[in-house]
Amino acid sequence: MGEATAGVGKGVSSFVAITLGTGVGSGIVIDGKIIGGVNFAAGEMGHMVIVVNGEQCNCGRKGCWERYASANALTAQTKEAMLQNPESIMWQEVDGNIEDVSGRTAFDAMRQGDEAAQEIVSRYIYYVATGIINIINALQPEIICVGGGIGHEGESLLEPIRRHVEKERYSVYAEKQTEICAAVLGNDAGIIGAALLNS
């Protein structure tokens, strides 16, 4: 609600927020109202399946978007790649301590030309884009904003996501298309949203 009303979604009627953090958070705001569904649990898009019979999710399903597109998922993917590529710059990024790997590690090494990191980031971005394409095909919102820890990667993340979306969205020939952009309110979004709900 914060991003939709006072942030990047200000002035639009249909808006989806995605946060790539510990999990994949999401919310839908239509005409200024949060879509909660019959049980106030709507919008849990992190738990739509993007890989049939994929990795086990803590929700009980297999292959959930969250298992592939969260910061925790990227960290796990990075560690796995590091163990397979002992010469990777990613080891230098964490001073040789694999326990210090974060969602930034692969992105930072990618920008230095590390091939293993480039592969990780490319695959991760495809996972994120797959979920976003599903949302666009289902809801056709005016804006999808991406926030959370990985959202801080900005255009390094968003520009390749847009390329995937342009190739795979159902609405390829539509005059108006969903805009994909970065969240702007950061950690204040929740506080602002709560204040707006109670105003």
N, C-alpha and C. Protein backbone atom coordinates (compact mmCIF):
# COMPACT_ATOMS: atom_id res chain seq x y z
N MET A 1 0.83 -1.20 0.00
CA MET A 1 0.00 0.00 0.00
C MET A 1 0.87 1.26 0.00
N GLY A 2 1.98 1.19 0.72
CA GLY A 2 2.88 2.34 0.75
C GLY A 2 3.40 2.68 -0.63
N GLU A 3 3.94 1.68 -1.32
CA GLU A 3 4.49 1.91 -2.67
C GLU A 3 3.39 2.29 -3.66
N ALA A 4 2.23 1.69 -3.51
CA ALA A 4 1.15 1.94 -4.46
C ALA A 4 0.60 3.35 -4.32
N THR A 5 0.56 3.87 -3.10
CA THR A 5 -0.09 5.15 -2.84
C THR A 5 0.88 6.32 -2.78
N ALA A 6 2.04 6.09 -2.17
CA ALA A 6 2.99 7.19 -1.96
C ALA A 6 4.32 6.97 -2.65
N GLY A 7 4.48 5.84 -3.32
CA GLY A 7 5.75 5.52 -3.95
C GLY A 7 5.64 5.48 -5.46
N VAL A 8 6.25 4.47 -6.04
CA VAL A 8 6.32 4.39 -7.50
C VAL A 8 4.97 4.15 -8.17
N GLY A 9 3.99 3.67 -7.41
CA GLY A 9 2.68 3.41 -7.99
C GLY A 9 1.69 4.54 -7.84
N LYS A 10 2.15 5.67 -7.36
CA LYS A 10 1.25 6.81 -7.13
C LYS A 10 0.54 7.21 -8.42
N GLY A 11 -0.79 7.24 -8.36
CA GLY A 11 -1.57 7.67 -9.51
C GLY A 11 -2.00 6.57 -10.45
N VAL A 12 -1.60 5.32 -10.21
CA VAL A 12 -2.05 4.23 -11.08
C VAL A 12 -3.15 3.43 -10.40
N SER A 13 -3.97 2.75 -11.20
CA SER A 13 -5.12 2.04 -10.63
C SER A 13 -4.84 0.56 -10.35
N SER A 14 -3.85 -0.02 -11.03
CA SER A 14 -3.56 -1.44 -10.81
C SER A 14 -2.06 -1.61 -10.61
N PHE A 15 -1.70 -2.21 -9.50
CA PHE A 15 -0.31 -2.19 -9.04
C PHE A 15 0.01 -3.48 -8.31
N VAL A 16 1.20 -4.03 -8.59
CA VAL A 16 1.69 -5.21 -7.87
C VAL A 16 3.09 -4.90 -7.35
N ALA A 17 3.33 -5.20 -6.09
CA ALA A 17 4.65 -5.04 -5.49
C ALA A 17 5.24 -6.42 -5.23
N ILE A 18 6.52 -6.57 -5.57
CA ILE A 18 7.26 -7.81 -5.32
C ILE A 18 8.47 -7.45 -4.48
N THR A 19 8.76 -8.22 -3.44
CA THR A 19 9.98 -8.02 -2.67
C THR A 19 10.81 -9.31 -2.72
N LEU A 20 12.06 -9.15 -3.11
CA LEU A 20 12.98 -10.28 -3.20
C LEU A 20 13.91 -10.21 -2.00
N GLY A 21 13.52 -10.88 -0.95
CA GLY A 21 14.29 -10.87 0.29
C GLY A 21 14.46 -12.29 0.81
N THR A 22 14.28 -12.46 2.11
CA THR A 22 14.37 -13.80 2.70
C THR A 22 13.46 -14.77 1.96
N GLY A 23 12.28 -14.28 1.60
CA GLY A 23 11.35 -15.01 0.74
C GLY A 23 11.02 -14.15 -0.45
N VAL A 24 9.90 -14.44 -1.09
CA VAL A 24 9.36 -13.57 -2.13
C VAL A 24 8.04 -13.04 -1.62
N GLY A 25 8.03 -11.76 -1.27
CA GLY A 25 6.81 -11.12 -0.81
C GLY A 25 6.09 -10.48 -1.97
N SER A 26 4.78 -10.29 -1.83
CA SER A 26 4.03 -9.68 -2.91
C SER A 26 2.72 -9.13 -2.39
N GLY A 27 2.20 -8.17 -3.12
CA GLY A 27 0.91 -7.58 -2.78
C GLY A 27 0.27 -6.98 -4.01
N ILE A 28 -1.05 -6.96 -4.03
CA ILE A 28 -1.82 -6.45 -5.16
C ILE A 28 -2.70 -5.31 -4.66
N VAL A 29 -2.61 -4.17 -5.34
CA VAL A 29 -3.46 -3.03 -5.01
C VAL A 29 -4.21 -2.62 -6.27
N ILE A 30 -5.54 -2.67 -6.19
CA ILE A 30 -6.40 -2.28 -7.31
C ILE A 30 -7.31 -1.15 -6.85
N ASP A 31 -7.29 -0.05 -7.58
CA ASP A 31 -8.13 1.11 -7.24
C ASP A 31 -7.99 1.52 -5.78
N GLY A 32 -6.76 1.52 -5.31
CA GLY A 32 -6.48 1.98 -3.95
C GLY A 32 -6.79 0.99 -2.85
N LYS A 33 -7.15 -0.25 -3.21
CA LYS A 33 -7.49 -1.25 -2.19
C LYS A 33 -6.60 -2.47 -2.33
N ILE A 34 -6.11 -2.96 -1.19
CA ILE A 34 -5.34 -4.19 -1.18
C ILE A 34 -6.28 -5.36 -1.47
N ILE A 35 -5.89 -6.22 -2.39
CA ILE A 35 -6.69 -7.41 -2.68
C ILE A 35 -6.29 -8.50 -1.71
N GLY A 36 -7.21 -8.79 -0.79
CA GLY A 36 -6.92 -9.77 0.26
C GLY A 36 -7.57 -11.12 0.04
N GLY A 37 -8.57 -11.15 -0.83
CA GLY A 37 -9.27 -12.41 -1.05
C GLY A 37 -10.25 -12.73 0.06
N VAL A 38 -10.91 -13.86 -0.06
CA VAL A 38 -11.95 -14.25 0.89
C VAL A 38 -11.38 -14.48 2.29
N ASN A 39 -10.08 -14.82 2.38
CA ASN A 39 -9.49 -15.14 3.68
C ASN A 39 -8.31 -14.22 4.01
N PHE A 40 -8.19 -13.10 3.30
CA PHE A 40 -7.12 -12.11 3.51
C PHE A 40 -5.73 -12.67 3.24
N ALA A 41 -5.65 -13.74 2.46
CA ALA A 41 -4.35 -14.35 2.16
C ALA A 41 -4.01 -14.27 0.67
N ALA A 42 -4.76 -13.47 -0.08
CA ALA A 42 -4.47 -13.35 -1.52
C ALA A 42 -3.15 -12.62 -1.73
N GLY A 43 -2.57 -12.84 -2.90
CA GLY A 43 -1.32 -12.16 -3.24
C GLY A 43 -0.07 -12.90 -2.84
N GLU A 44 -0.19 -14.13 -2.36
CA GLU A 44 1.00 -14.91 -1.98
C GLU A 44 1.63 -15.51 -3.24
N MET A 45 2.15 -14.65 -4.08
CA MET A 45 2.65 -15.12 -5.38
C MET A 45 3.98 -15.85 -5.27
N GLY A 46 4.66 -15.70 -4.16
CA GLY A 46 5.88 -16.46 -3.94
C GLY A 46 5.63 -17.95 -3.91
N HIS A 47 4.36 -18.33 -3.73
CA HIS A 47 4.03 -19.75 -3.63
C HIS A 47 3.25 -20.26 -4.83
N MET A 48 3.41 -19.58 -5.97
CA MET A 48 2.97 -20.20 -7.22
C MET A 48 4.15 -21.04 -7.73
N VAL A 49 3.84 -22.17 -8.31
CA VAL A 49 4.87 -23.09 -8.77
C VAL A 49 5.41 -22.63 -10.12
N ILE A 50 6.74 -22.54 -10.22
CA ILE A 50 7.36 -22.23 -11.51
C ILE A 50 8.18 -23.41 -12.04
N VAL A 51 8.46 -24.40 -11.17
CA VAL A 51 9.18 -25.61 -11.59
C VAL A 51 8.41 -26.82 -11.05
N VAL A 52 7.72 -27.52 -11.92
CA VAL A 52 6.91 -28.67 -11.48
C VAL A 52 7.82 -29.72 -10.86
N ASN A 53 7.41 -30.20 -9.66
CA ASN A 53 8.21 -31.17 -8.90
C ASN A 53 9.61 -30.66 -8.61
N GLY A 54 9.71 -29.35 -8.40
CA GLY A 54 11.00 -28.74 -8.12
C GLY A 54 11.39 -28.85 -6.65
N GLU A 55 12.19 -27.90 -6.19
CA GLU A 55 12.69 -27.94 -4.82
C GLU A 55 11.55 -27.79 -3.81
N GLN A 56 11.71 -28.49 -2.69
CA GLN A 56 10.70 -28.45 -1.64
C GLN A 56 10.63 -27.07 -1.00
N CYS A 57 9.43 -26.52 -0.90
CA CYS A 57 9.24 -25.23 -0.26
C CYS A 57 8.72 -25.45 1.16
N ASN A 58 8.97 -24.47 2.05
CA ASN A 58 8.49 -24.63 3.42
C ASN A 58 6.97 -24.52 3.54
N CYS A 59 6.29 -24.16 2.44
CA CYS A 59 4.83 -24.11 2.46
C CYS A 59 4.22 -25.49 2.25
N GLY A 60 5.05 -26.45 1.82
CA GLY A 60 4.56 -27.81 1.58
C GLY A 60 4.53 -28.20 0.11
N ARG A 61 4.57 -27.22 -0.77
CA ARG A 61 4.57 -27.50 -2.21
C ARG A 61 6.00 -27.67 -2.71
N LYS A 62 6.13 -28.11 -3.93
CA LYS A 62 7.44 -28.21 -4.57
C LYS A 62 7.50 -27.25 -5.76
N GLY A 63 8.64 -26.60 -5.91
CA GLY A 63 8.86 -25.76 -7.07
C GLY A 63 8.34 -24.35 -6.98
N CYS A 64 8.05 -23.86 -5.77
CA CYS A 64 7.52 -22.51 -5.61
C CYS A 64 8.52 -21.45 -6.09
N TRP A 65 7.98 -20.34 -6.57
CA TRP A 65 8.79 -19.21 -7.02
C TRP A 65 9.79 -18.78 -5.95
N GLU A 66 9.33 -18.78 -4.69
CA GLU A 66 10.19 -18.38 -3.57
C GLU A 66 11.45 -19.24 -3.47
N ARG A 67 11.35 -20.51 -3.83
CA ARG A 67 12.49 -21.42 -3.72
C ARG A 67 13.56 -21.15 -4.78
N TYR A 68 13.21 -20.31 -5.76
CA TYR A 68 14.14 -20.03 -6.85
C TYR A 68 14.49 -18.55 -6.98
N ALA A 69 13.64 -17.66 -6.46
CA ALA A 69 13.80 -16.24 -6.72
C ALA A 69 14.04 -15.38 -5.49
N SER A 70 14.06 -15.95 -4.30
CA SER A 70 14.33 -15.16 -3.10
C SER A 70 15.83 -14.92 -2.95
N ALA A 71 16.17 -14.00 -2.06
CA ALA A 71 17.59 -13.78 -1.75
C ALA A 71 18.21 -15.04 -1.16
N ASN A 72 17.45 -15.75 -0.32
CA ASN A 72 17.95 -17.00 0.25
C ASN A 72 18.25 -18.02 -0.85
N ALA A 73 17.37 -18.08 -1.85
CA ALA A 73 17.59 -19.01 -2.96
C ALA A 73 18.85 -18.62 -3.74
N LEU A 74 19.02 -17.33 -4.00
CA LEU A 74 20.21 -16.88 -4.72
C LEU A 74 21.48 -17.17 -3.94
N THR A 75 21.43 -17.00 -2.63
CA THR A 75 22.59 -17.32 -1.78
C THR A 75 22.95 -18.79 -1.89
N ALA A 76 21.93 -19.65 -1.83
CA ALA A 76 22.17 -21.10 -1.94
C ALA A 76 22.72 -21.45 -3.32
N GLN A 77 22.17 -20.84 -4.37
CA GLN A 77 22.66 -21.09 -5.72
C GLN A 77 24.11 -20.63 -5.88
N THR A 78 24.44 -19.51 -5.24
CA THR A 78 25.80 -18.98 -5.31
C THR A 78 26.78 -19.91 -4.61
N LYS A 79 26.43 -20.38 -3.44
CA LYS A 79 27.31 -21.29 -2.69
C LYS A 79 27.58 -22.57 -3.49
N GLU A 80 26.53 -23.11 -4.09
CA GLU A 80 26.67 -24.33 -4.88
C GLU A 80 27.64 -24.10 -6.04
N ALA A 81 27.49 -22.97 -6.71
CA ALA A 81 28.37 -22.66 -7.85
C ALA A 81 29.81 -22.43 -7.39
N MET A 82 29.99 -21.82 -6.24
CA MET A 82 31.35 -21.58 -5.72
C MET A 82 32.07 -22.89 -5.44
N LEU A 83 31.35 -23.84 -4.87
CA LEU A 83 31.96 -25.14 -4.58
C LEU A 83 32.36 -25.86 -5.86
N GLN A 84 31.63 -25.60 -6.94
CA GLN A 84 31.95 -26.22 -8.23
C GLN A 84 33.01 -25.43 -9.01
N ASN A 85 33.28 -24.19 -8.56
CA ASN A 85 34.22 -23.31 -9.27
C ASN A 85 35.18 -22.66 -8.28
N PRO A 86 36.16 -23.41 -7.79
CA PRO A 86 37.06 -22.88 -6.76
C PRO A 86 37.90 -21.70 -7.22
N GLU A 87 37.98 -21.47 -8.54
CA GLU A 87 38.76 -20.35 -9.06
C GLU A 87 37.92 -19.08 -9.22
N SER A 88 36.64 -19.14 -8.91
CA SER A 88 35.73 -18.02 -9.13
C SER A 88 36.08 -16.80 -8.27
N ILE A 89 35.88 -15.63 -8.83
CA ILE A 89 36.06 -14.37 -8.10
C ILE A 89 35.12 -14.30 -6.90
N MET A 90 34.04 -15.07 -6.93
CA MET A 90 33.10 -15.05 -5.81
C MET A 90 33.78 -15.39 -4.49
N TRP A 91 34.80 -16.24 -4.54
CA TRP A 91 35.55 -16.56 -3.32
C TRP A 91 36.26 -15.33 -2.77
N GLN A 92 36.79 -14.51 -3.65
CA GLN A 92 37.46 -13.28 -3.22
C GLN A 92 36.46 -12.30 -2.61
N GLU A 93 35.26 -12.29 -3.15
CA GLU A 93 34.22 -11.39 -2.64
C GLU A 93 33.89 -11.65 -1.17
N VAL A 94 34.09 -12.89 -0.74
CA VAL A 94 33.75 -13.24 0.66
C VAL A 94 35.00 -13.61 1.46
N ASP A 95 36.18 -13.19 0.96
CA ASP A 95 37.46 -13.47 1.65
C ASP A 95 37.63 -14.95 1.97
N GLY A 96 37.16 -15.79 1.06
CA GLY A 96 37.34 -17.23 1.21
C GLY A 96 36.38 -17.92 2.16
N ASN A 97 35.45 -17.15 2.77
CA ASN A 97 34.52 -17.74 3.73
C ASN A 97 33.13 -17.87 3.10
N ILE A 98 32.78 -19.08 2.74
CA ILE A 98 31.52 -19.31 2.03
C ILE A 98 30.31 -18.93 2.87
N GLU A 99 30.46 -18.89 4.19
CA GLU A 99 29.35 -18.53 5.06
C GLU A 99 29.02 -17.03 4.97
N ASP A 100 29.90 -16.26 4.35
CA ASP A 100 29.66 -14.82 4.18
C ASP A 100 28.98 -14.49 2.86
N VAL A 101 28.61 -15.51 2.10
CA VAL A 101 27.91 -15.28 0.83
C VAL A 101 26.56 -14.63 1.10
N SER A 102 26.22 -13.66 0.26
CA SER A 102 24.92 -12.99 0.34
C SER A 102 24.33 -12.90 -1.06
N GLY A 103 23.17 -12.27 -1.15
CA GLY A 103 22.55 -12.08 -2.44
C GLY A 103 23.35 -11.18 -3.37
N ARG A 104 24.28 -10.41 -2.82
CA ARG A 104 25.09 -9.50 -3.63
C ARG A 104 26.31 -10.17 -4.23
N THR A 105 26.74 -11.28 -3.66
CA THR A 105 28.02 -11.88 -4.03
C THR A 105 28.12 -12.16 -5.52
N ALA A 106 27.14 -12.86 -6.06
CA ALA A 106 27.19 -13.22 -7.49
C ALA A 106 27.09 -11.99 -8.38
N PHE A 107 26.23 -11.02 -8.00
CA PHE A 107 26.10 -9.80 -8.79
C PHE A 107 27.42 -9.03 -8.83
N ASP A 108 28.08 -8.91 -7.67
CA ASP A 108 29.35 -8.18 -7.61
C ASP A 108 30.42 -8.87 -8.46
N ALA A 109 30.48 -10.20 -8.39
CA ALA A 109 31.47 -10.94 -9.19
C ALA A 109 31.12 -10.91 -10.67
N MET A 110 29.84 -10.92 -10.99
CA MET A 110 29.40 -10.83 -12.38
C MET A 110 29.91 -9.55 -13.02
N ARG A 111 29.83 -8.45 -12.28
CA ARG A 111 30.26 -7.16 -12.82
C ARG A 111 31.77 -7.11 -13.07
N GLN A 112 32.48 -8.05 -12.46
CA GLN A 112 33.93 -8.15 -12.69
C GLN A 112 34.26 -9.17 -13.78
N GLY A 113 33.23 -9.70 -14.43
CA GLY A 113 33.44 -10.61 -15.55
C GLY A 113 33.56 -12.07 -15.19
N ASP A 114 33.24 -12.45 -13.96
CA ASP A 114 33.36 -13.84 -13.54
C ASP A 114 32.29 -14.69 -14.24
N GLU A 115 32.72 -15.72 -14.97
CA GLU A 115 31.79 -16.52 -15.77
C GLU A 115 30.81 -17.31 -14.92
N ALA A 116 31.29 -17.90 -13.83
CA ALA A 116 30.40 -18.67 -12.96
C ALA A 116 29.33 -17.76 -12.37
N ALA A 117 29.72 -16.58 -11.97
CA ALA A 117 28.77 -15.62 -11.41
C ALA A 117 27.77 -15.16 -12.47
N GLN A 118 28.26 -14.93 -13.68
CA GLN A 118 27.36 -14.53 -14.77
C GLN A 118 26.30 -15.59 -15.02
N GLU A 119 26.70 -16.85 -14.95
CA GLU A 119 25.76 -17.94 -15.16
C GLU A 119 24.72 -17.99 -14.05
N ILE A 120 25.18 -17.81 -12.80
CA ILE A 120 24.25 -17.81 -11.66
C ILE A 120 23.23 -16.68 -11.80
N VAL A 121 23.74 -15.48 -12.05
CA VAL A 121 22.86 -14.31 -12.13
C VAL A 121 21.88 -14.46 -13.28
N SER A 122 22.35 -14.95 -14.42
CA SER A 122 21.47 -15.13 -15.58
C SER A 122 20.34 -16.10 -15.26
N ARG A 123 20.67 -17.21 -14.62
CA ARG A 123 19.65 -18.21 -14.28
C ARG A 123 18.68 -17.65 -13.23
N TYR A 124 19.24 -16.95 -12.23
CA TYR A 124 18.40 -16.37 -11.19
C TYR A 124 17.42 -15.36 -11.78
N ILE A 125 17.91 -14.50 -12.66
CA ILE A 125 17.05 -13.49 -13.29
C ILE A 125 15.96 -14.16 -14.10
N TYR A 126 16.26 -15.26 -14.75
CA TYR A 126 15.23 -15.97 -15.50
C TYR A 126 14.14 -16.49 -14.56
N TYR A 127 14.54 -16.99 -13.39
CA TYR A 127 13.55 -17.44 -12.41
C TYR A 127 12.66 -16.28 -11.98
N VAL A 128 13.27 -15.15 -11.67
CA VAL A 128 12.48 -13.98 -11.25
C VAL A 128 11.54 -13.57 -12.37
N ALA A 129 12.06 -13.50 -13.59
CA ALA A 129 11.25 -13.08 -14.74
C ALA A 129 10.09 -14.03 -15.00
N THR A 130 10.30 -15.32 -14.78
CA THR A 130 9.24 -16.31 -15.01
C THR A 130 8.03 -16.00 -14.14
N GLY A 131 8.27 -15.70 -12.87
CA GLY A 131 7.17 -15.34 -11.98
C GLY A 131 6.51 -14.04 -12.38
N ILE A 132 7.30 -13.07 -12.76
CA ILE A 132 6.75 -11.77 -13.15
C ILE A 132 5.90 -11.92 -14.41
N ILE A 133 6.34 -12.72 -15.35
CA ILE A 133 5.54 -12.96 -16.56
C ILE A 133 4.20 -13.61 -16.19
N ASN A 134 4.22 -14.54 -15.27
CA ASN A 134 2.96 -15.17 -14.82
C ASN A 134 2.01 -14.12 -14.24
N ILE A 135 2.56 -13.21 -13.44
CA ILE A 135 1.74 -12.15 -12.84
C ILE A 135 1.16 -11.25 -13.92
N ILE A 136 1.99 -10.86 -14.86
CA ILE A 136 1.52 -10.00 -15.95
C ILE A 136 0.42 -10.69 -16.74
N ASN A 137 0.63 -11.95 -17.07
CA ASN A 137 -0.38 -12.68 -17.85
C ASN A 137 -1.70 -12.82 -17.09
N ALA A 138 -1.62 -12.95 -15.77
CA ALA A 138 -2.83 -13.14 -14.97
C ALA A 138 -3.54 -11.83 -14.67
N LEU A 139 -2.79 -10.76 -14.39
CA LEU A 139 -3.38 -9.53 -13.88
C LEU A 139 -3.25 -8.31 -14.78
N GLN A 140 -2.26 -8.28 -15.66
CA GLN A 140 -2.01 -7.12 -16.51
C GLN A 140 -2.02 -5.80 -15.71
N PRO A 141 -1.25 -5.71 -14.64
CA PRO A 141 -1.22 -4.45 -13.88
C PRO A 141 -0.49 -3.35 -14.63
N GLU A 142 -0.77 -2.12 -14.26
CA GLU A 142 -0.05 -1.00 -14.89
C GLU A 142 1.42 -1.02 -14.51
N ILE A 143 1.69 -1.33 -13.24
CA ILE A 143 3.07 -1.34 -12.76
C ILE A 143 3.31 -2.57 -11.89
N ILE A 144 4.47 -3.18 -12.06
CA ILE A 144 5.01 -4.12 -11.09
C ILE A 144 6.30 -3.50 -10.58
N CYS A 145 6.38 -3.29 -9.28
CA CYS A 145 7.62 -2.76 -8.72
C CYS A 145 8.35 -3.87 -7.98
N VAL A 146 9.67 -3.82 -8.04
CA VAL A 146 10.51 -4.85 -7.42
C VAL A 146 11.35 -4.19 -6.34
N GLY A 147 11.24 -4.71 -5.13
CA GLY A 147 12.01 -4.19 -4.00
C GLY A 147 12.67 -5.33 -3.24
N GLY A 148 12.98 -5.07 -1.99
CA GLY A 148 13.70 -6.05 -1.18
C GLY A 148 15.19 -5.96 -1.40
N GLY A 149 15.94 -6.79 -0.70
CA GLY A 149 17.40 -6.73 -0.77
C GLY A 149 17.95 -6.85 -2.18
N ILE A 150 17.45 -7.81 -2.95
CA ILE A 150 17.95 -8.00 -4.32
C ILE A 150 17.47 -6.88 -5.23
N GLY A 151 16.36 -6.26 -4.88
CA GLY A 151 15.86 -5.13 -5.65
C GLY A 151 16.84 -3.98 -5.73
N HIS A 152 17.77 -3.91 -4.77
CA HIS A 152 18.79 -2.84 -4.76
C HIS A 152 19.75 -2.97 -5.93
N GLU A 153 19.74 -4.10 -6.62
CA GLU A 153 20.61 -4.25 -7.80
C GLU A 153 20.16 -3.37 -8.96
N GLY A 154 18.97 -2.82 -8.87
CA GLY A 154 18.50 -1.85 -9.86
C GLY A 154 18.46 -2.41 -11.27
N GLU A 155 19.02 -1.65 -12.21
CA GLU A 155 18.91 -2.03 -13.61
C GLU A 155 19.71 -3.29 -13.96
N SER A 156 20.71 -3.65 -13.14
CA SER A 156 21.41 -4.92 -13.37
C SER A 156 20.45 -6.09 -13.28
N LEU A 157 19.40 -5.91 -12.49
CA LEU A 157 18.35 -6.92 -12.33
C LEU A 157 17.19 -6.67 -13.29
N LEU A 158 16.73 -5.43 -13.36
CA LEU A 158 15.48 -5.12 -14.05
C LEU A 158 15.59 -5.15 -15.57
N GLU A 159 16.69 -4.66 -16.10
CA GLU A 159 16.81 -4.61 -17.56
C GLU A 159 16.74 -5.99 -18.20
N PRO A 160 17.48 -7.00 -17.71
CA PRO A 160 17.33 -8.34 -18.29
C PRO A 160 15.97 -8.98 -18.00
N ILE A 161 15.35 -8.64 -16.87
CA ILE A 161 14.00 -9.13 -16.61
C ILE A 161 13.05 -8.62 -17.70
N ARG A 162 13.17 -7.33 -18.01
CA ARG A 162 12.30 -6.76 -19.06
C ARG A 162 12.49 -7.47 -20.39
N ARG A 163 13.71 -7.85 -20.72
CA ARG A 163 13.96 -8.55 -21.98
C ARG A 163 13.23 -9.89 -22.01
N HIS A 164 13.29 -10.63 -20.90
CA HIS A 164 12.56 -11.91 -20.83
C HIS A 164 11.06 -11.67 -20.97
N VAL A 165 10.56 -10.66 -20.26
CA VAL A 165 9.13 -10.36 -20.29
C VAL A 165 8.68 -10.02 -21.70
N GLU A 166 9.45 -9.21 -22.40
CA GLU A 166 9.07 -8.80 -23.76
C GLU A 166 8.96 -9.99 -24.70
N LYS A 167 9.77 -11.01 -24.46
CA LYS A 167 9.73 -12.20 -25.33
C LYS A 167 8.60 -13.15 -24.98
N GLU A 168 8.19 -13.20 -23.71
CA GLU A 168 7.31 -14.27 -23.27
C GLU A 168 5.92 -13.85 -22.80
N ARG A 169 5.68 -12.57 -22.64
CA ARG A 169 4.36 -12.15 -22.16
C ARG A 169 3.28 -12.47 -23.20
N TYR A 170 2.09 -12.76 -22.70
CA TYR A 170 0.97 -13.06 -23.59
C TYR A 170 0.55 -11.83 -24.38
N SER A 171 0.65 -10.67 -23.75
CA SER A 171 0.16 -9.42 -24.34
C SER A 171 1.19 -8.76 -25.24
N VAL A 172 1.91 -9.56 -26.01
CA VAL A 172 3.04 -9.06 -26.78
C VAL A 172 2.66 -7.95 -27.76
N TYR A 173 1.43 -7.98 -28.28
CA TYR A 173 1.03 -6.99 -29.29
C TYR A 173 0.18 -5.86 -28.71
N ALA A 174 -0.03 -5.85 -27.42
CA ALA A 174 -0.87 -4.81 -26.82
C ALA A 174 -0.17 -3.45 -26.86
N GLU A 175 -0.98 -2.41 -27.03
CA GLU A 175 -0.42 -1.06 -27.09
C GLU A 175 0.15 -0.64 -25.74
N LYS A 176 -0.59 -0.96 -24.67
CA LYS A 176 -0.12 -0.63 -23.32
C LYS A 176 0.48 -1.89 -22.69
N GLN A 177 1.59 -1.73 -22.03
CA GLN A 177 2.26 -2.86 -21.39
C GLN A 177 2.57 -2.53 -19.93
N THR A 178 2.67 -3.55 -19.13
CA THR A 178 3.04 -3.38 -17.73
C THR A 178 4.45 -2.81 -17.62
N GLU A 179 4.58 -1.78 -16.79
CA GLU A 179 5.90 -1.20 -16.52
C GLU A 179 6.54 -1.95 -15.35
N ILE A 180 7.80 -2.31 -15.50
CA ILE A 180 8.54 -2.99 -14.42
C ILE A 180 9.60 -2.03 -13.93
N CYS A 181 9.54 -1.69 -12.64
CA CYS A 181 10.45 -0.69 -12.12
C CYS A 181 10.85 -1.02 -10.68
N ALA A 182 11.80 -0.28 -10.16
CA ALA A 182 12.29 -0.49 -8.80
C ALA A 182 11.38 0.20 -7.79
N ALA A 183 11.22 -0.41 -6.63
CA ALA A 183 10.54 0.25 -5.52
C ALA A 183 11.38 1.44 -5.07
N VAL A 184 10.72 2.45 -4.49
CA VAL A 184 11.46 3.66 -4.11
C VAL A 184 11.42 3.98 -2.62
N LEU A 185 10.51 3.37 -1.88
CA LEU A 185 10.34 3.74 -0.47
C LEU A 185 11.24 2.95 0.47
N GLY A 186 11.85 1.88 -0.01
CA GLY A 186 12.75 1.10 0.83
C GLY A 186 12.07 0.58 2.08
N ASN A 187 12.78 0.63 3.21
CA ASN A 187 12.26 0.08 4.46
C ASN A 187 11.11 0.90 5.04
N ASP A 188 10.86 2.09 4.49
CA ASP A 188 9.76 2.92 4.99
C ASP A 188 8.41 2.52 4.40
N ALA A 189 8.43 1.66 3.38
CA ALA A 189 7.18 1.32 2.68
C ALA A 189 6.13 0.75 3.62
N GLY A 190 6.52 -0.16 4.49
CA GLY A 190 5.57 -0.79 5.40
C GLY A 190 4.97 0.20 6.39
N ILE A 191 5.80 1.09 6.91
CA ILE A 191 5.33 2.09 7.88
C ILE A 191 4.34 3.03 7.20
N ILE A 192 4.71 3.48 6.00
CA ILE A 192 3.84 4.39 5.25
C ILE A 192 2.53 3.69 4.89
N GLY A 193 2.61 2.45 4.43
CA GLY A 193 1.41 1.69 4.09
C GLY A 193 0.49 1.51 5.28
N ALA A 194 1.07 1.18 6.44
CA ALA A 194 0.26 0.99 7.66
C ALA A 194 -0.44 2.29 8.06
N ALA A 195 0.30 3.41 7.93
CA ALA A 195 -0.30 4.70 8.26
C ALA A 195 -1.45 5.03 7.32
N LEU A 196 -1.27 4.71 6.03
CA LEU A 196 -2.33 4.97 5.06
C LEU A 196 -3.57 4.11 5.32
N LEU A 197 -3.35 2.87 5.76
CA LEU A 197 -4.48 1.99 6.04
C LEU A 197 -5.27 2.48 7.25
N ASN A 198 -4.58 3.13 8.18
CA ASN A 198 -5.22 3.57 9.40
C ASN A 198 -5.68 5.01 9.35
N SER A 199 -5.49 5.66 8.19
CA SER A 199 -5.86 7.07 8.09
C SER A 199 -7.33 7.23 7.72
